[in-house]
């Protein structure tokens, strides 16, 4: 290897090149676009069902914000978030994160990605970053699809927040972007868990399924009152806690708590993934 490639600048360039290649591969896959299309269908189906229904909902009936959709189409994206977060989004993240390392091993390409010095930690960083980018893409897809279908099927105007305050349409777009950011951050802990599980096997389907099962188990534990002491430590505990972002004034406390919690999971499970991956014999 040349001295230029071993210098910090050369390693950074190699890492960025590997990241670009990872993102290009991820977003060229039909599976990735199929999952994003499925995510986009959630607000579309929700909005169409409400539009075609002749029954009116009482306040608080159904998922949060559903009773407001007919008055303002901008609430479609918020309702879709509540519907998608418990199962649909973790399912897609489980597929992407579970495939990170196990997918390369199953295709026999893992050995060729590790030829450079410090290749293992760099590869893990690139794989996790790719999964994190997908988290953001899924959240943005949900918000954009919800906003567009809501504007198409329902009236759009100033939004009444949970606090009762009225904000303009442009400001409501900013709040929607904040909610998308909140959801993307919320899924980082699960992505790190999926990365770790992916280092344990060369069977991608097994890693994907295990990651989804972990998310389901965490949410089940989070609703058991007997385990109230454990709830604040579960990565799924704040998944639906974005109400402060659609109130006036903005309440960032839950966003901060959620970010710190997810950062802890990322640190722990990325370390476990590296510990496993660094000592693993790569035969494929």
Protein backbone atom coordinates (compact mmCIF):
# COMPACT_ATOMS: atom_id res chain seq x y z
CA UNK A 1 0.00 0.00 0.00
CA UNK A 2 1.38 3.44 -0.87
CA UNK A 3 2.23 6.03 1.79
CA UNK A 4 -0.55 8.24 0.42
CA UNK A 5 -3.12 5.53 1.08
CA UNK A 6 -1.82 5.01 4.65
CA UNK A 7 -1.87 8.71 5.55
CA UNK A 8 -4.85 10.15 7.46
CA UNK A 9 -6.02 11.95 4.32
CA UNK A 10 -5.72 8.77 2.28
CA UNK A 11 -7.63 6.74 4.87
CA UNK A 12 -10.35 9.39 5.01
CA UNK A 13 -10.67 9.37 1.24
CA UNK A 14 -10.79 5.56 1.21
CA UNK A 15 -13.44 5.60 3.92
CA UNK A 16 -15.58 8.14 2.08
CA UNK A 17 -15.22 6.15 -1.11
CA UNK A 18 -16.34 3.00 0.69
CA UNK A 19 -19.29 4.88 2.21
CA UNK A 20 -20.34 6.23 -1.17
CA UNK A 21 -20.11 2.73 -2.62
CA UNK A 22 -22.20 1.34 0.26
CA UNK A 23 -24.92 3.95 -0.19
CA UNK A 24 -24.93 3.45 -3.95
CA UNK A 25 -25.37 -0.30 -3.51
CA UNK A 26 -28.04 0.16 -0.83
CA UNK A 27 -30.15 2.56 -2.88
CA UNK A 28 -29.74 0.66 -6.12
CA UNK A 29 -31.37 -2.41 -4.65
CA UNK A 30 -34.97 -3.04 -5.60
CA UNK A 31 -35.56 -4.28 -2.08
CA UNK A 32 -34.64 -0.87 -0.64
CA UNK A 33 -37.03 0.97 -2.93
CA UNK A 34 -39.73 -1.64 -2.32
CA UNK A 35 -39.45 -1.01 1.43
CA UNK A 36 -39.55 2.76 0.98
CA UNK A 37 -42.58 2.36 -1.29
CA UNK A 38 -44.27 0.24 1.38
CA UNK A 39 -43.53 2.95 3.95
CA UNK A 40 -45.02 5.57 1.62
CA UNK A 41 -48.16 3.45 1.25
CA UNK A 42 -48.93 3.74 4.96
CA UNK A 43 -50.05 7.40 4.89
CA UNK A 44 -51.61 6.93 1.46
CA UNK A 45 -53.81 4.04 2.59
CA UNK A 46 -54.64 5.85 5.82
CA UNK A 47 -55.67 9.02 3.99
CA UNK A 48 -57.70 7.18 1.36
CA UNK A 49 -59.51 5.16 4.04
CA UNK A 50 -60.43 8.32 5.94
CA UNK A 51 -61.47 10.10 2.74
CA UNK A 52 -63.77 7.26 1.66
CA UNK A 53 -65.27 6.76 5.10
CA UNK A 54 -68.58 8.43 5.84
CA UNK A 55 -68.24 7.95 9.61
CA UNK A 56 -66.93 10.84 11.70
CA UNK A 57 -64.52 10.23 14.55
CA UNK A 58 -64.87 11.63 18.02
CA UNK A 59 -61.82 13.44 19.42
CA UNK A 60 -59.28 10.89 20.64
CA UNK A 61 -60.88 7.99 18.78
CA UNK A 62 -58.46 5.84 16.78
CA UNK A 63 -54.73 6.59 16.47
CA UNK A 64 -53.58 10.02 17.69
CA UNK A 65 -54.38 12.89 15.29
CA UNK A 66 -56.68 10.72 13.14
CA UNK A 67 -59.74 12.75 14.10
CA UNK A 68 -57.99 15.92 12.81
CA UNK A 69 -57.12 14.59 9.36
CA UNK A 70 -60.39 15.62 7.70
CA UNK A 71 -59.99 19.19 8.99
CA UNK A 72 -56.36 19.50 7.95
CA UNK A 73 -54.48 17.14 5.64
CA UNK A 74 -51.15 18.01 7.26
CA UNK A 75 -52.07 15.71 10.15
CA UNK A 76 -51.84 12.67 7.86
CA UNK A 77 -48.07 12.46 8.27
CA UNK A 78 -48.29 12.69 12.07
CA UNK A 79 -50.91 9.94 12.21
CA UNK A 80 -48.89 7.79 9.83
CA UNK A 81 -45.84 8.15 12.09
CA UNK A 82 -47.79 6.81 15.06
CA UNK A 83 -49.07 3.88 12.98
CA UNK A 84 -45.71 3.03 11.39
CA UNK A 85 -43.30 3.34 14.31
CA UNK A 86 -44.26 0.24 16.34
CA UNK A 87 -43.92 -2.33 13.52
CA UNK A 88 -43.44 -1.12 9.96
CA UNK A 89 -40.36 1.05 10.46
CA UNK A 90 -38.58 -1.47 12.75
CA UNK A 91 -39.30 -4.14 10.14
CA UNK A 92 -37.53 -2.18 7.41
CA UNK A 93 -34.65 -1.25 9.71
CA UNK A 94 -34.32 -4.90 10.72
CA UNK A 95 -33.94 -5.88 7.07
CA UNK A 96 -31.28 -3.25 6.34
CA UNK A 97 -29.30 -3.56 9.59
CA UNK A 98 -29.49 -7.35 9.69
CA UNK A 99 -28.06 -7.55 6.20
CA UNK A 100 -25.06 -5.28 6.86
CA UNK A 101 -22.37 -7.89 7.62
CA UNK A 102 -24.26 -11.17 7.24
CA UNK A 103 -25.26 -10.22 3.70
CA UNK A 104 -21.63 -9.67 2.66
CA UNK A 105 -20.65 -12.97 4.28
CA UNK A 106 -23.40 -14.88 2.51
CA UNK A 107 -22.37 -13.43 -0.86
CA UNK A 108 -18.68 -14.18 -0.31
CA UNK A 109 -17.64 -10.52 -0.60
CA UNK A 110 -16.69 -9.85 3.02
CA UNK A 111 -13.05 -10.90 2.65
CA UNK A 112 -12.46 -8.46 -0.21
CA UNK A 113 -13.78 -5.54 1.83
CA UNK A 114 -11.20 -6.14 4.55
CA UNK A 115 -7.96 -5.97 2.58
CA UNK A 116 -6.99 -2.50 3.83
CA UNK A 117 -5.41 -1.89 7.28
CA UNK A 118 -8.00 -1.12 9.97
CA UNK A 119 -10.54 -2.42 7.48
CA UNK A 120 -12.84 -3.98 10.04
CA UNK A 121 -13.69 -0.94 12.11
CA UNK A 122 -13.94 1.17 8.96
CA UNK A 123 -16.30 -1.35 7.41
CA UNK A 124 -18.47 -1.41 10.54
CA UNK A 125 -18.63 2.39 10.58
CA UNK A 126 -19.61 2.46 6.91
CA UNK A 127 -22.25 -0.24 7.35
CA UNK A 128 -23.77 1.49 10.37
CA UNK A 129 -23.77 4.85 8.58
CA UNK A 130 -25.58 3.25 5.65
CA UNK A 131 -28.24 1.88 8.01
CA UNK A 132 -28.55 5.31 9.67
CA UNK A 133 -29.04 6.98 6.29
CA UNK A 134 -31.81 4.51 5.55
CA UNK A 135 -33.45 5.39 8.89
CA UNK A 136 -33.52 9.03 7.78
CA UNK A 137 -34.76 8.11 4.29
CA UNK A 138 -37.63 6.04 5.71
CA UNK A 139 -38.72 8.79 8.11
CA UNK A 140 -38.56 11.46 5.39
CA UNK A 141 -40.47 9.22 2.98
CA UNK A 142 -43.24 8.82 5.54
CA UNK A 143 -43.51 12.57 6.16
CA UNK A 144 -43.33 13.59 2.50
CA UNK A 145 -45.86 10.98 1.37
CA UNK A 146 -48.21 11.92 4.21
CA UNK A 147 -47.96 15.62 3.46
CA UNK A 148 -48.55 15.18 -0.27
CA UNK A 149 -51.52 12.81 0.02
CA UNK A 150 -52.98 14.91 2.83
CA UNK A 151 -52.79 18.05 0.70
CA UNK A 152 -54.34 16.19 -2.22
CA UNK A 153 -57.34 14.73 -0.40
CA UNK A 154 -58.06 17.21 2.42
CA UNK A 155 -58.03 20.94 3.13
CA UNK A 156 -54.68 22.39 4.16
CA UNK A 157 -54.28 25.39 6.42
CA UNK A 158 -52.81 26.63 9.69
CA UNK A 159 -52.23 23.76 12.11
CA UNK A 160 -53.61 23.65 15.64
CA UNK A 161 -50.90 22.17 17.87
CA UNK A 162 -51.49 19.94 20.87
CA UNK A 163 -51.09 23.00 23.09
CA UNK A 164 -53.96 24.70 21.23
CA UNK A 165 -51.73 27.26 19.50
CA UNK A 166 -52.08 27.91 15.78
CA UNK A 167 -49.04 27.84 13.48
CA UNK A 168 -48.68 28.62 9.79
CA UNK A 169 -48.34 26.01 7.06
CA UNK A 170 -44.60 26.71 6.51
CA UNK A 171 -43.95 26.34 10.24
CA UNK A 172 -45.92 23.09 10.25
CA UNK A 173 -43.55 21.79 7.56
CA UNK A 174 -40.64 22.60 9.88
CA UNK A 175 -42.37 20.72 12.72
CA UNK A 176 -42.87 17.73 10.40
CA UNK A 177 -39.15 17.80 9.58
CA UNK A 178 -38.35 17.79 13.30
CA UNK A 179 -40.62 14.79 13.83
CA UNK A 180 -38.89 12.98 10.96
CA UNK A 181 -35.52 13.74 12.57
CA UNK A 182 -36.83 12.47 15.91
CA UNK A 183 -37.99 9.21 14.37
CA UNK A 184 -34.72 8.72 12.49
CA UNK A 185 -32.75 9.20 15.71
CA UNK A 186 -35.12 6.82 17.53
CA UNK A 187 -34.19 3.99 15.16
CA UNK A 188 -30.41 4.30 15.55
CA UNK A 189 -30.29 2.07 18.62
CA UNK A 190 -32.13 -0.69 16.78
CA UNK A 191 -29.76 -0.24 13.83
CA UNK A 192 -26.76 -0.78 16.12
CA UNK A 193 -28.38 -3.89 17.60
CA UNK A 194 -29.00 -5.19 14.07
CA UNK A 195 -25.37 -4.52 13.15
CA UNK A 196 -24.19 -6.54 16.15
CA UNK A 197 -26.54 -9.42 15.39
CA UNK A 198 -25.34 -9.35 11.78
CA UNK A 199 -21.77 -10.04 12.94
CA UNK A 200 -22.92 -13.22 14.70
CA UNK A 201 -24.11 -15.08 11.62
CA UNK A 202 -23.63 -15.47 7.90
CA UNK A 203 -27.37 -15.97 7.35
CA UNK A 204 -28.91 -12.56 6.59
CA UNK A 205 -32.51 -13.69 7.03
CA UNK A 206 -31.72 -14.91 10.53
CA UNK A 207 -30.11 -11.58 11.47
CA UNK A 208 -33.05 -9.64 10.02
CA UNK A 209 -35.61 -11.73 11.89
CA UNK A 210 -33.69 -11.53 15.16
CA UNK A 211 -33.46 -7.74 14.91
CA UNK A 212 -37.21 -7.42 14.36
CA UNK A 213 -37.90 -9.81 17.24
CA UNK A 214 -35.73 -7.68 19.54
CA UNK A 215 -37.78 -4.59 18.67
CA UNK A 216 -41.04 -6.44 19.34
CA UNK A 217 -39.79 -7.79 22.68
CA UNK A 218 -38.63 -4.33 23.76
CA UNK A 219 -42.05 -2.85 23.04
CA UNK A 220 -43.81 -5.66 24.91
CA UNK A 221 -41.59 -5.09 27.94
CA UNK A 222 -42.31 -1.37 27.70
CA UNK A 223 -46.04 -1.86 28.31
CA UNK A 224 -45.72 -4.16 31.33
CA UNK A 225 -46.30 -2.09 34.50
CA UNK A 226 -44.37 -4.65 36.55
CA UNK A 227 -41.23 -3.60 34.66
CA UNK A 228 -41.65 0.15 35.08
CA UNK A 229 -38.10 0.40 36.42
CA UNK A 230 -36.79 -0.98 33.13
CA UNK A 231 -38.83 1.20 30.77
CA UNK A 232 -36.52 4.26 30.69
CA UNK A 233 -33.64 1.98 29.60
CA UNK A 234 -35.44 0.37 26.66
CA UNK A 235 -34.42 1.72 23.25
CA UNK A 236 -38.10 1.80 22.20
CA UNK A 237 -39.29 3.76 25.24
CA UNK A 238 -39.32 7.19 23.56
CA UNK A 239 -40.31 6.09 20.06
CA UNK A 240 -43.70 7.83 20.27
CA UNK A 241 -42.55 10.71 22.43
CA UNK A 242 -42.49 13.44 19.80
CA UNK A 243 -45.54 15.31 21.16
CA UNK A 244 -43.27 18.05 22.49
CA UNK A 245 -42.28 18.87 18.92
CA UNK A 246 -45.87 19.66 17.98
CA UNK A 247 -46.61 21.85 20.98
CA UNK A 248 -45.97 25.52 21.67
CA UNK A 249 -43.38 26.32 22.87
CA UNK A 250 -41.16 23.58 21.48
CA UNK A 251 -40.22 21.05 24.14
CA UNK A 252 -36.84 19.47 23.37
CA UNK A 253 -36.54 17.47 26.60
CA UNK A 254 -37.78 14.14 25.23
CA UNK A 255 -35.76 14.62 22.05
CA UNK A 256 -32.64 15.06 24.18
CA UNK A 257 -33.41 12.07 26.41
CA UNK A 258 -34.12 9.94 23.37
CA UNK A 259 -30.90 11.02 21.63
CA UNK A 260 -28.81 10.22 24.72
CA UNK A 261 -30.51 6.82 25.09
CA UNK A 262 -29.96 5.92 21.43
CA UNK A 263 -26.34 7.11 21.61
CA UNK A 264 -25.81 4.76 24.55
CA UNK A 265 -27.20 1.82 22.60
CA UNK A 266 -25.10 2.75 19.57
CA UNK A 267 -21.94 2.92 21.69
CA UNK A 268 -22.57 -0.37 23.47
CA UNK A 269 -23.69 -2.44 20.51
CA UNK A 270 -21.19 -0.96 18.07
CA UNK A 271 -18.47 -1.89 20.59
CA UNK A 272 -19.90 -5.40 20.87
CA UNK A 273 -20.05 -5.66 17.08
CA UNK A 274 -16.43 -4.60 16.79
CA UNK A 275 -15.37 -6.99 19.56
CA UNK A 276 -17.06 -9.84 17.72
CA UNK A 277 -15.95 -8.77 14.25
CA UNK A 278 -12.33 -8.05 15.17
CA UNK A 279 -11.78 -11.60 16.40
CA UNK A 280 -13.86 -13.31 13.74
CA UNK A 281 -12.18 -15.47 11.10
CA UNK A 282 -13.40 -14.31 7.71
CA UNK A 283 -13.64 -17.36 5.49
CA UNK A 284 -15.96 -15.99 2.84
